[in-house]
Amino acid sequence: MNRFFTVDEINPGLHLLEQRFDLIKKEFLDNINNLVWTNWGAAAGYHGENNLAYAGWQIAALYAAYEDSTEFTKEMIIDNLPLFEKSYGQKIYPDINKGVILAHNAKHLPVLASTCYEAGIRKRVGISVVFPGKEIKWHIDPDPEVGDNLIVRGLWGLDVRQEDGVECYLGLGPENDFEKRLFEDNKFMFFYGRVPHGVINNLTTPRYALCFDHVIDKSYLESICH
């Protein structure tokens, strides 16, 4: 599974984000100063020093699913609100019907948040930023594998200012022999997080991208890699 995947291989419903890109980008730029940015998930365990791996990286959380292994009642969610809000760095709103916990950021980005859910993003989603001249050092993400399912990470360029002679890219594979994909507005990339990878931003502006997890059948993913 040491390769990039296409949107049609992972979830064709995500084309809805492409169709609404101009509206979503304007909404984001109009509200960027209202968003709360945190180091969400940066302590999940990576090669080397955790803090070093994600230096220069932050995320504005939008929403995440309830814990997969637990039946959360409305009362249980309310009882644990302080814990969730500490993780998100902001006020959160349980949506029992959709089975997700919305961050306050989603209130500022209603078009993006609703489009993500409509397009089939159910696990977790936020907007990630890599600051100018910064990198996410080579690492693996030991994402959970439950039963026959595993997680594929998706990235979608939201605001990536192109410049002559410099670029922002994700490298997938060993650090000395990797496949490179450039970040661009309205372009997807998908990969298996347990494959070594890193991000380099040589631009003079921040790279903003939607970052999300997609649960997929392991045997299907293996079959399209052969």
Protein backbone atom coordinates (compact mmCIF):
# COMPACT_ATOMS: atom_id res chain seq x y z
CA MET A 1 0.00 0.00 0.00
CA ASN A 2 3.02 2.17 -0.59
CA ARG A 3 1.36 4.51 -3.09
CA PHE A 4 -1.08 7.40 -3.43
CA PHE A 5 -4.75 6.62 -4.08
CA THR A 6 -7.28 8.52 -6.16
CA VAL A 7 -10.54 10.05 -5.01
CA ASP A 8 -12.51 7.57 -7.11
CA GLU A 9 -10.71 4.66 -5.45
CA ILE A 10 -11.44 5.96 -1.95
CA ASN A 11 -14.75 7.85 -2.09
CA PRO A 12 -16.21 9.35 -5.29
CA GLY A 13 -18.65 11.32 -3.14
CA LEU A 14 -15.80 13.67 -2.29
CA HIS A 15 -16.08 15.22 -5.76
CA LEU A 16 -18.77 17.34 -4.09
CA LEU A 17 -15.99 19.31 -2.38
CA GLU A 18 -14.41 20.01 -5.78
CA GLN A 19 -17.72 21.26 -7.13
CA ARG A 20 -18.13 23.71 -4.24
CA PHE A 21 -14.48 24.74 -4.01
CA ASP A 22 -14.86 28.45 -4.80
CA LEU A 23 -17.64 28.88 -2.24
CA ILE A 24 -15.75 26.87 0.40
CA LYS A 25 -12.47 28.74 -0.10
CA LYS A 26 -14.18 32.13 0.18
CA GLU A 27 -15.93 31.04 3.37
CA PHE A 28 -12.60 29.87 4.80
CA LEU A 29 -10.69 33.06 3.94
CA ASP A 30 -13.52 35.21 5.31
CA ASN A 31 -13.42 33.34 8.64
CA ILE A 32 -9.79 32.29 9.05
CA ASN A 33 -9.18 34.73 11.91
CA ASN A 34 -12.14 33.29 13.84
CA LEU A 35 -10.82 29.73 13.90
CA VAL A 36 -9.15 27.97 16.82
CA TRP A 37 -5.92 26.16 15.87
CA THR A 38 -4.47 23.36 18.01
CA ASN A 39 -1.92 20.55 17.83
CA TRP A 40 -4.75 18.03 17.50
CA GLY A 41 -3.51 14.43 17.61
CA ALA A 42 0.18 15.35 17.58
CA ALA A 43 0.99 13.04 20.50
CA ALA A 44 -0.32 9.87 18.85
CA GLY A 45 3.14 8.38 18.49
CA TYR A 46 5.55 8.86 15.58
CA HIS A 47 9.11 8.04 14.63
CA GLY A 48 11.47 10.21 16.64
CA GLU A 49 10.39 13.08 18.83
CA ASN A 50 6.66 13.73 18.67
CA ASN A 51 6.98 17.46 19.16
CA LEU A 52 9.69 17.71 16.52
CA ALA A 53 7.71 15.69 13.97
CA TYR A 54 4.82 18.15 14.02
CA ALA A 55 6.62 21.44 14.63
CA GLY A 56 5.13 24.12 12.39
CA TRP A 57 1.87 22.19 11.99
CA GLN A 58 -1.55 22.92 13.48
CA ILE A 59 -5.15 22.02 12.76
CA ALA A 60 -8.52 23.74 13.08
CA ALA A 61 -10.80 20.85 14.03
CA LEU A 62 -14.27 20.67 12.45
CA TYR A 63 -15.78 17.44 13.76
CA ALA A 64 -15.02 13.87 14.77
CA ALA A 65 -17.00 10.68 15.28
CA TYR A 66 -17.90 9.40 18.72
CA GLU A 67 -15.62 6.63 19.96
CA ASP A 68 -16.09 3.64 17.67
CA SER A 69 -16.17 1.06 20.45
CA THR A 70 -18.63 2.80 22.78
CA GLU A 71 -22.34 3.52 22.58
CA PHE A 72 -22.41 7.15 23.70
CA THR A 73 -25.69 8.43 25.05
CA LYS A 74 -26.53 12.11 25.05
CA GLU A 75 -26.02 12.15 28.82
CA MET A 76 -22.56 10.55 28.53
CA ILE A 77 -21.47 13.12 25.96
CA ILE A 78 -22.65 15.98 28.15
CA ASP A 79 -20.84 14.50 31.18
CA ASN A 80 -17.59 14.42 29.17
CA LEU A 81 -17.89 17.83 27.53
CA PRO A 82 -14.97 19.34 29.47
CA LEU A 83 -12.66 16.54 28.27
CA PHE A 84 -13.73 16.94 24.64
CA GLU A 85 -13.45 20.72 24.82
CA LYS A 86 -9.94 20.46 26.25
CA SER A 87 -8.91 18.23 23.32
CA TYR A 88 -10.45 20.59 20.76
CA GLY A 89 -9.36 23.81 22.49
CA GLN A 90 -12.86 25.24 22.01
CA LYS A 91 -16.53 24.71 22.71
CA ILE A 92 -17.98 21.55 21.13
CA TYR A 93 -21.50 20.49 20.19
CA PRO A 94 -22.59 16.84 20.13
CA ASP A 95 -24.82 15.92 17.18
CA ILE A 96 -26.43 12.68 18.31
CA ASN A 97 -28.31 12.13 15.04
CA LYS A 98 -25.17 12.34 12.90
CA GLY A 99 -22.94 10.59 15.44
CA VAL A 100 -20.33 13.34 15.45
CA ILE A 101 -18.95 15.95 17.81
CA LEU A 102 -18.86 19.37 16.14
CA ALA A 103 -16.16 21.87 17.07
CA HIS A 104 -17.09 25.54 17.32
CA ASN A 105 -14.98 26.08 14.18
CA ALA A 106 -17.74 24.33 12.23
CA LYS A 107 -20.11 27.15 13.20
CA HIS A 108 -17.85 29.57 11.31
CA LEU A 109 -17.58 27.24 8.28
CA PRO A 110 -21.09 25.83 7.78
CA VAL A 111 -20.72 25.22 4.04
CA LEU A 112 -17.46 23.29 4.46
CA ALA A 113 -18.66 21.29 7.48
CA SER A 114 -21.97 20.30 5.90
CA THR A 115 -20.31 19.45 2.57
CA CYS A 116 -17.77 17.22 4.31
CA TYR A 117 -20.54 15.25 5.99
CA GLU A 118 -22.66 15.13 2.84
CA ALA A 119 -19.64 13.86 0.89
CA GLY A 120 -19.20 10.96 3.31
CA ILE A 121 -16.49 12.11 5.76
CA ARG A 122 -17.49 10.44 9.02
CA LYS A 123 -14.33 9.75 11.07
CA ARG A 124 -12.64 13.12 11.72
CA VAL A 125 -11.86 16.23 9.74
CA GLY A 126 -10.16 19.57 10.17
CA ILE A 127 -8.10 22.17 8.30
CA SER A 128 -4.36 21.72 8.67
CA VAL A 129 -1.73 24.39 8.22
CA VAL A 130 1.98 24.02 7.57
CA PHE A 131 3.68 27.36 8.03
CA PRO A 132 6.18 28.87 5.53
CA GLY A 133 9.57 27.20 5.56
CA LYS A 134 8.38 24.51 7.97
CA GLU A 135 8.01 20.76 7.61
CA ILE A 136 6.35 17.72 9.12
CA LYS A 137 9.35 15.45 9.55
CA TRP A 138 9.29 11.90 8.19
CA HIS A 139 7.12 9.68 10.40
CA ILE A 140 4.39 7.06 10.41
CA ASP A 141 0.90 7.43 11.86
CA PRO A 142 -0.07 4.27 13.78
CA ASP A 143 -3.77 4.74 13.07
CA PRO A 144 -6.07 2.11 14.59
CA GLU A 145 -7.18 -0.89 12.55
CA VAL A 146 -10.47 -2.36 13.73
CA GLY A 147 -11.51 -5.74 12.36
CA ASP A 148 -11.34 -5.67 8.56
CA ASN A 149 -11.13 -1.87 8.38
CA LEU A 150 -8.24 0.56 8.31
CA ILE A 151 -7.81 4.31 7.90
CA VAL A 152 -6.72 6.15 4.77
CA ARG A 153 -5.69 9.79 5.23
CA GLY A 154 -7.08 12.35 2.82
CA LEU A 155 -5.75 15.84 2.07
CA TRP A 156 -7.44 18.46 -0.09
CA GLY A 157 -5.81 21.77 -1.04
CA LEU A 158 -7.85 24.66 0.34
CA ASP A 159 -5.49 27.64 0.09
CA VAL A 160 -2.11 26.89 -1.47
CA ARG A 161 -0.47 29.94 -3.08
CA GLN A 162 1.74 28.82 -5.96
CA GLU A 163 5.15 30.48 -6.42
CA ASP A 164 7.85 30.20 -9.06
CA GLY A 165 10.75 27.97 -8.11
CA VAL A 166 9.40 26.76 -4.75
CA GLU A 167 6.73 24.26 -3.73
CA CYS A 168 4.91 22.50 -0.93
CA TYR A 169 4.73 18.74 -1.20
CA LEU A 170 4.04 15.46 0.58
CA GLY A 171 6.60 12.69 0.20
CA LEU A 172 5.38 9.10 0.58
CA GLY A 173 7.77 6.21 1.18
CA PRO A 174 11.29 5.97 2.62
CA GLU A 175 12.93 9.35 3.11
CA ASN A 176 15.69 8.43 0.67
CA ASP A 177 13.34 7.08 -2.02
CA PHE A 178 9.85 8.61 -1.95
CA GLU A 179 7.06 9.55 -4.33
CA LYS A 180 6.26 13.28 -4.31
CA ARG A 181 2.89 15.01 -4.73
CA LEU A 182 2.51 18.79 -4.81
CA PHE A 183 -0.20 20.53 -2.83
CA GLU A 184 -2.51 22.58 -5.05
CA ASP A 185 -5.88 24.23 -4.62
CA ASN A 186 -8.80 21.83 -5.08
CA LYS A 187 -6.55 18.76 -5.48
CA PHE A 188 -6.85 15.56 -3.44
CA MET A 189 -4.23 13.12 -2.25
CA PHE A 190 -4.84 9.91 -0.28
CA PHE A 191 -2.37 7.59 1.42
CA TYR A 192 -2.05 4.94 4.11
CA GLY A 193 -0.65 6.63 7.21
CA ARG A 194 1.48 3.65 8.28
CA VAL A 195 3.67 4.24 5.23
CA PRO A 196 6.50 6.68 6.10
CA HIS A 197 5.72 10.20 4.93
CA GLY A 198 6.58 13.85 5.47
CA VAL A 199 5.52 17.32 4.33
CA ILE A 200 7.82 20.14 3.23
CA ASN A 201 6.59 23.71 2.73
CA ASN A 202 9.15 25.80 0.86
CA LEU A 203 6.56 28.47 0.03
CA THR A 204 6.60 31.94 1.60
CA THR A 205 2.95 31.55 2.66
CA PRO A 206 1.12 28.97 4.82
CA ARG A 207 -0.26 25.83 3.19
CA TYR A 208 -3.88 25.20 4.19
CA ALA A 209 -5.46 21.84 3.39
CA LEU A 210 -8.46 19.87 4.55
CA CYS A 211 -7.19 16.85 6.47
CA PHE A 212 -9.50 13.90 7.11
CA ASP A 213 -9.62 10.19 7.86
CA HIS A 214 -11.59 7.69 5.79
CA VAL A 215 -12.40 4.19 7.05
CA ILE A 216 -12.07 1.60 4.30
CA ASP A 217 -12.08 -2.17 3.91
CA LYS A 218 -8.54 -3.55 4.20
CA SER A 219 -9.00 -6.31 1.62
CA TYR A 220 -10.34 -3.82 -0.94
CA LEU A 221 -7.36 -1.52 -0.45
CA GLU A 222 -4.94 -4.44 -0.78
CA SER A 223 -6.70 -5.61 -3.95
CA ILE A 224 -6.25 -2.29 -5.77
CA CYS A 225 -2.56 -2.22 -4.85
CA HIS A 226 -1.78 -5.45 -6.72
